[in-house]
Amino acid sequence: RQILKGLPMRTGNPALNDKTFENFGVFRRDTAAEQAPSGVMTINGTAQKTMFLLLLALGTACFTWSKTFAAVEANPAAALPWAFGGAIVGLITALVICFKHTWAPTLAPVYALAEGLFLGGVSASFEAQYPGIVIQAVGGTFGTLAGLLLAYQSGLIRATENFKLGIVAATGGICLVYLISMIGGFFGFPIPYIHAAGPVGIAFSLFVVVIAALNLVLDFDFIEQAAERGAPKYLEWYGAFALMVTLVWLYMEILRLPAKLRSRD
């Protein structure tokens, strides 16, 4: 049995950390292929499960989207209970998966369905205010995913140790800023400018979009290294879930950016 000791596997994704793939009875690829071919994580398997989760999210997103635009005049409030419920279920499910990796095959689809409800409601609300913004955000998200995957596979972008350290630090800083802003908002003292449509707010959103996108590179590297070392099969679902977490974050940040730009008009 080989454990992934001494292997730097940093990522800014909270679902993937240094200990995610440790202590799972991981095989080496050269022996695992013969000993347990059906029980070993593969990149193709992770990609297929990611596509499945995306389809589930799309299905429930269409449901909450239709709630908003069911009438002649858009009514975002109609989708609010579904979106709010999806956000709560998604958060709880994500936390459980992070602590119980073996539950990922069962709970990852639940997370995707819940996030779809949330994203559909939020997207419809933005679309009602800024027509056409959702297709821009969807195109930007998947265009970024495709571009970075191509750059990673071709070797144009490499997840070096310094690269990983920089992205992890930046991601942690963004999370801290959002946390402070949220807590301050409860007491009437939110962090000024970053959520506004001014130059500072737009620059902040651009920075966050870049960092969220670069987290995909770290996720690719993390999953690739785990697959090469024969991580357990169920971690395909965990890897797909982790990619979903990053994609949801990236989509939300891309959605906010053009909203800020268009609100200046």
Protein backbone atom coordinates (compact mmCIF):
# COMPACT_ATOMS: atom_id res chain seq x y z
CA ARG A 1 0.00 0.00 0.00
CA GLN A 2 1.34 3.41 -0.99
CA ILE A 3 0.26 6.65 0.59
CA LEU A 4 0.80 9.98 -1.13
CA LYS A 5 3.41 11.24 1.30
CA GLY A 6 5.87 13.90 0.25
CA LEU A 7 3.77 14.84 -2.79
CA PRO A 8 2.91 18.58 -2.94
CA MET A 9 -0.80 18.65 -3.80
CA ARG A 10 -1.87 22.16 -2.88
CA THR A 11 -5.07 23.66 -4.21
CA GLY A 12 -7.17 26.65 -3.27
CA ASN A 13 -10.32 24.56 -3.61
CA PRO A 14 -11.63 23.90 -0.08
CA ALA A 15 -12.82 20.47 -1.21
CA LEU A 16 -9.26 19.47 -2.14
CA ASN A 17 -6.40 19.79 0.32
CA ASP A 18 -3.12 18.14 1.17
CA LYS A 19 -4.78 15.26 3.05
CA THR A 20 -7.63 14.51 0.68
CA PHE A 21 -5.87 11.66 -1.08
CA GLU A 22 -3.81 10.49 1.89
CA ASN A 23 -4.56 7.42 3.96
CA PHE A 24 -6.97 5.85 1.46
CA GLY A 25 -4.98 2.72 0.72
CA VAL A 26 -3.74 4.22 -2.54
CA PHE A 27 -2.02 1.92 -5.04
CA ARG A 28 0.76 2.72 -7.45
CA ARG A 29 -0.47 2.79 -11.04
CA ASP A 30 1.99 0.15 -12.26
CA THR A 31 0.65 -2.51 -9.89
CA ALA A 32 -2.93 -1.29 -9.45
CA ALA A 33 -3.69 -1.72 -13.16
CA GLU A 34 -3.22 -5.46 -12.76
CA GLN A 35 -4.49 -5.91 -9.22
CA ALA A 36 -7.66 -3.82 -9.22
CA PRO A 37 -8.40 -2.25 -12.62
CA SER A 38 -12.03 -1.47 -11.77
CA GLY A 39 -11.24 0.04 -8.40
CA VAL A 40 -8.76 2.71 -9.45
CA MET A 41 -9.45 6.38 -10.11
CA THR A 42 -8.97 7.56 -13.72
CA ILE A 43 -9.00 10.98 -15.34
CA ASN A 44 -11.61 9.87 -17.90
CA GLY A 45 -13.83 8.57 -15.13
CA THR A 46 -13.58 11.86 -13.28
CA ALA A 47 -14.36 13.80 -16.46
CA GLN A 48 -17.45 11.68 -17.15
CA LYS A 49 -18.74 12.16 -13.64
CA THR A 50 -18.11 15.90 -13.88
CA MET A 51 -20.22 16.03 -17.05
CA PHE A 52 -22.97 14.07 -15.30
CA LEU A 53 -22.99 16.51 -12.39
CA LEU A 54 -23.10 19.47 -14.78
CA LEU A 55 -26.14 17.96 -16.54
CA LEU A 56 -27.90 17.49 -13.21
CA ALA A 57 -27.19 21.09 -12.26
CA LEU A 58 -28.44 22.28 -15.65
CA GLY A 59 -31.69 20.39 -15.18
CA THR A 60 -32.57 21.95 -11.83
CA ALA A 61 -31.29 25.36 -12.98
CA CYS A 62 -33.81 25.24 -15.81
CA PHE A 63 -36.52 24.49 -13.25
CA THR A 64 -35.87 27.59 -11.10
CA TRP A 65 -35.27 29.64 -14.25
CA SER A 66 -38.75 28.69 -15.50
CA LYS A 67 -40.25 29.71 -12.16
CA THR A 68 -38.94 33.24 -12.67
CA PHE A 69 -40.06 33.58 -16.29
CA ALA A 70 -43.31 31.59 -16.07
CA ALA A 71 -45.39 34.76 -16.41
CA VAL A 72 -45.23 37.48 -19.06
CA GLU A 73 -43.36 39.68 -16.61
CA ALA A 74 -40.32 38.19 -14.86
CA ASN A 75 -40.85 37.44 -11.19
CA PRO A 76 -37.56 36.56 -9.43
CA ALA A 77 -39.40 36.17 -6.11
CA ALA A 78 -41.14 33.06 -7.44
CA ALA A 79 -37.85 31.19 -7.57
CA LEU A 80 -36.49 32.57 -4.30
CA PRO A 81 -37.63 29.71 -2.00
CA TRP A 82 -36.17 27.12 -4.38
CA ALA A 83 -32.90 29.03 -4.79
CA PHE A 84 -32.56 29.60 -1.05
CA GLY A 85 -33.32 25.96 -0.30
CA GLY A 86 -30.80 24.85 -2.90
CA ALA A 87 -28.13 27.08 -1.38
CA ILE A 88 -28.70 25.62 2.09
CA VAL A 89 -28.79 22.00 0.92
CA GLY A 90 -25.75 22.57 -1.30
CA LEU A 91 -23.73 24.05 1.55
CA ILE A 92 -24.62 21.27 3.98
CA THR A 93 -23.95 18.58 1.38
CA ALA A 94 -20.60 20.12 0.45
CA LEU A 95 -19.50 20.21 4.09
CA VAL A 96 -20.50 16.57 4.60
CA ILE A 97 -18.62 15.47 1.47
CA CYS A 98 -15.50 17.35 2.58
CA PHE A 99 -15.45 15.42 5.85
CA LYS A 100 -16.82 12.12 4.50
CA HIS A 101 -15.09 11.51 1.17
CA THR A 102 -16.55 8.01 0.84
CA TRP A 103 -20.04 9.52 0.65
CA ALA A 104 -19.16 11.47 -2.51
CA PRO A 105 -20.74 8.94 -4.95
CA THR A 106 -24.09 9.43 -3.21
CA LEU A 107 -23.94 13.09 -2.20
CA ALA A 108 -22.15 14.66 -5.18
CA PRO A 109 -25.31 14.36 -7.34
CA VAL A 110 -27.34 15.87 -4.49
CA TYR A 111 -24.90 18.79 -4.38
CA ALA A 112 -25.20 19.28 -8.15
CA LEU A 113 -29.01 19.27 -8.02
CA ALA A 114 -29.06 21.73 -5.12
CA GLU A 115 -26.54 24.08 -6.72
CA GLY A 116 -28.55 23.98 -9.92
CA LEU A 117 -31.61 25.27 -8.04
CA PHE A 118 -29.53 28.05 -6.53
CA LEU A 119 -27.75 29.05 -9.72
CA GLY A 120 -30.95 28.95 -11.76
CA GLY A 121 -32.68 31.34 -9.38
CA VAL A 122 -29.73 33.71 -9.12
CA SER A 123 -29.14 33.64 -12.87
CA ALA A 124 -32.78 34.40 -13.60
CA SER A 125 -32.68 37.35 -11.22
CA PHE A 126 -29.62 38.78 -12.98
CA GLU A 127 -31.16 38.11 -16.39
CA ALA A 128 -34.30 40.02 -15.42
CA GLN A 129 -32.15 43.05 -14.62
CA TYR A 130 -29.56 42.70 -17.40
CA PRO A 131 -30.93 40.77 -20.40
CA GLY A 132 -28.33 38.57 -22.07
CA ILE A 133 -25.97 38.51 -19.10
CA VAL A 134 -26.43 34.82 -18.33
CA ILE A 135 -25.37 33.55 -21.74
CA GLN A 136 -22.30 35.76 -21.42
CA ALA A 137 -21.47 34.28 -18.01
CA VAL A 138 -22.08 30.70 -19.14
CA GLY A 139 -19.95 31.22 -22.24
CA GLY A 140 -17.21 32.85 -20.20
CA THR A 141 -17.19 30.04 -17.64
CA PHE A 142 -16.99 27.15 -20.08
CA GLY A 143 -14.70 29.07 -22.40
CA THR A 144 -12.33 29.59 -19.49
CA LEU A 145 -12.60 25.92 -18.52
CA ALA A 146 -11.83 24.78 -22.06
CA GLY A 147 -9.00 27.26 -22.53
CA LEU A 148 -7.27 26.40 -19.27
CA LEU A 149 -7.70 22.67 -19.81
CA LEU A 150 -6.10 22.99 -23.24
CA ALA A 151 -3.29 25.14 -21.86
CA TYR A 152 -2.71 22.66 -19.04
CA GLN A 153 -2.67 19.62 -21.30
CA SER A 154 -0.32 21.32 -23.77
CA GLY A 155 2.07 22.35 -21.01
CA LEU A 156 1.62 26.10 -21.51
CA ILE A 157 0.55 26.36 -17.87
CA ARG A 158 2.30 24.27 -15.26
CA ALA A 159 1.27 23.96 -11.63
CA THR A 160 4.69 24.59 -10.13
CA GLU A 161 5.14 24.78 -6.39
CA ASN A 162 5.41 28.58 -6.43
CA PHE A 163 2.33 28.81 -8.65
CA LYS A 164 0.37 26.68 -6.20
CA LEU A 165 1.52 28.67 -3.20
CA GLY A 166 0.54 31.95 -4.87
CA ILE A 167 -2.95 30.78 -5.89
CA VAL A 168 -3.66 29.19 -2.52
CA ALA A 169 -2.60 32.37 -0.72
CA ALA A 170 -4.70 34.56 -3.01
CA THR A 171 -7.72 32.28 -2.63
CA GLY A 172 -7.40 32.33 1.14
CA GLY A 173 -7.18 36.12 1.09
CA ILE A 174 -10.33 36.41 -1.03
CA CYS A 175 -12.21 34.07 1.31
CA LEU A 176 -11.11 36.18 4.27
CA VAL A 177 -12.24 39.40 2.60
CA TYR A 178 -15.64 37.89 1.79
CA LEU A 179 -16.01 36.58 5.33
CA ILE A 180 -15.15 39.94 6.88
CA SER A 181 -17.51 41.69 4.46
CA MET A 182 -20.35 39.29 5.30
CA ILE A 183 -19.87 39.64 9.05
CA GLY A 184 -19.52 43.40 8.74
CA GLY A 185 -22.69 43.54 6.64
CA PHE A 186 -24.67 42.02 9.51
CA PHE A 187 -23.59 44.92 11.72
CA GLY A 188 -23.97 47.59 9.06
CA PHE A 189 -20.24 47.93 8.31
CA PRO A 190 -19.50 46.07 5.06
CA ILE A 191 -16.17 46.47 3.32
CA PRO A 192 -16.62 49.51 1.06
CA TYR A 193 -16.09 49.63 -2.72
CA ILE A 194 -15.50 45.93 -3.48
CA HIS A 195 -19.17 45.21 -4.20
CA ALA A 196 -19.80 48.53 -5.94
CA ALA A 197 -19.63 49.27 -9.66
CA GLY A 198 -16.75 51.72 -9.28
CA PRO A 199 -13.17 51.17 -10.47
CA VAL A 200 -12.18 49.46 -7.22
CA GLY A 201 -15.13 47.06 -7.32
CA ILE A 202 -14.53 46.16 -10.97
CA ALA A 203 -10.80 45.66 -10.41
CA PHE A 204 -11.57 43.45 -7.42
CA SER A 205 -14.00 41.35 -9.46
CA LEU A 206 -11.45 40.96 -12.26
CA PHE A 207 -8.86 39.78 -9.74
CA VAL A 208 -11.27 37.28 -8.19
CA VAL A 209 -12.26 35.91 -11.61
CA VAL A 210 -8.59 35.34 -12.48
CA ILE A 211 -7.88 33.58 -9.19
CA ALA A 212 -11.03 31.44 -9.47
CA ALA A 213 -10.01 30.45 -13.01
CA LEU A 214 -6.46 29.56 -11.98
CA ASN A 215 -7.85 27.31 -9.27
CA LEU A 216 -9.04 25.08 -12.13
CA VAL A 217 -5.40 24.52 -13.06
CA LEU A 218 -4.63 23.42 -9.52
CA ASP A 219 -7.63 21.10 -9.58
CA PHE A 220 -6.51 19.55 -12.88
CA ASP A 221 -3.06 18.95 -11.46
CA PHE A 222 -4.40 17.57 -8.21
CA ILE A 223 -6.71 15.07 -9.92
CA GLU A 224 -4.09 14.06 -12.48
CA GLN A 225 -1.50 13.27 -9.84
CA ALA A 226 -4.00 11.29 -7.77
CA ALA A 227 -5.12 9.28 -10.80
CA GLU A 228 -1.51 8.51 -11.76
CA ARG A 229 -0.96 7.03 -8.32
CA GLY A 230 -4.11 4.91 -8.38
CA ALA A 231 -6.39 6.66 -5.92
CA PRO A 232 -9.57 4.74 -4.98
CA LYS A 233 -12.37 4.71 -7.57
CA TYR A 234 -14.87 6.60 -5.42
CA LEU A 235 -12.56 9.63 -5.49
CA GLU A 236 -13.61 10.16 -9.11
CA TRP A 237 -16.87 11.43 -7.66
CA TYR A 238 -14.98 13.51 -5.13
CA GLY A 239 -12.78 15.01 -7.84
CA ALA A 240 -15.87 15.78 -9.96
CA PHE A 241 -17.51 17.41 -6.95
CA ALA A 242 -14.41 19.50 -6.32
CA LEU A 243 -14.38 20.73 -9.92
CA MET A 244 -18.05 21.64 -9.55
CA VAL A 245 -17.21 23.76 -6.50
CA THR A 246 -14.64 25.72 -8.50
CA LEU A 247 -16.91 26.08 -11.53
CA VAL A 248 -19.80 27.37 -9.41
CA TRP A 249 -17.50 29.95 -7.84
CA LEU A 250 -16.08 30.96 -11.23
CA TYR A 251 -19.54 31.29 -12.78
CA MET A 252 -20.82 33.46 -9.94
CA GLU A 253 -17.82 35.78 -10.16
CA ILE A 254 -18.08 36.05 -13.95
CA LEU A 255 -21.80 36.80 -13.57
CA ARG A 256 -21.10 39.63 -11.13
CA LEU A 257 -18.45 41.28 -13.29
CA PRO A 258 -20.60 42.23 -16.31
CA ALA A 259 -23.43 43.15 -13.92
CA LYS A 260 -21.14 45.75 -12.37
CA LEU A 261 -20.05 47.00 -15.77
CA ARG A 262 -23.61 47.30 -17.08
CA SER A 263 -24.87 49.00 -13.92
CA ARG A 264 -22.54 51.89 -14.74
CA ASP A 265 -24.43 52.67 -17.96
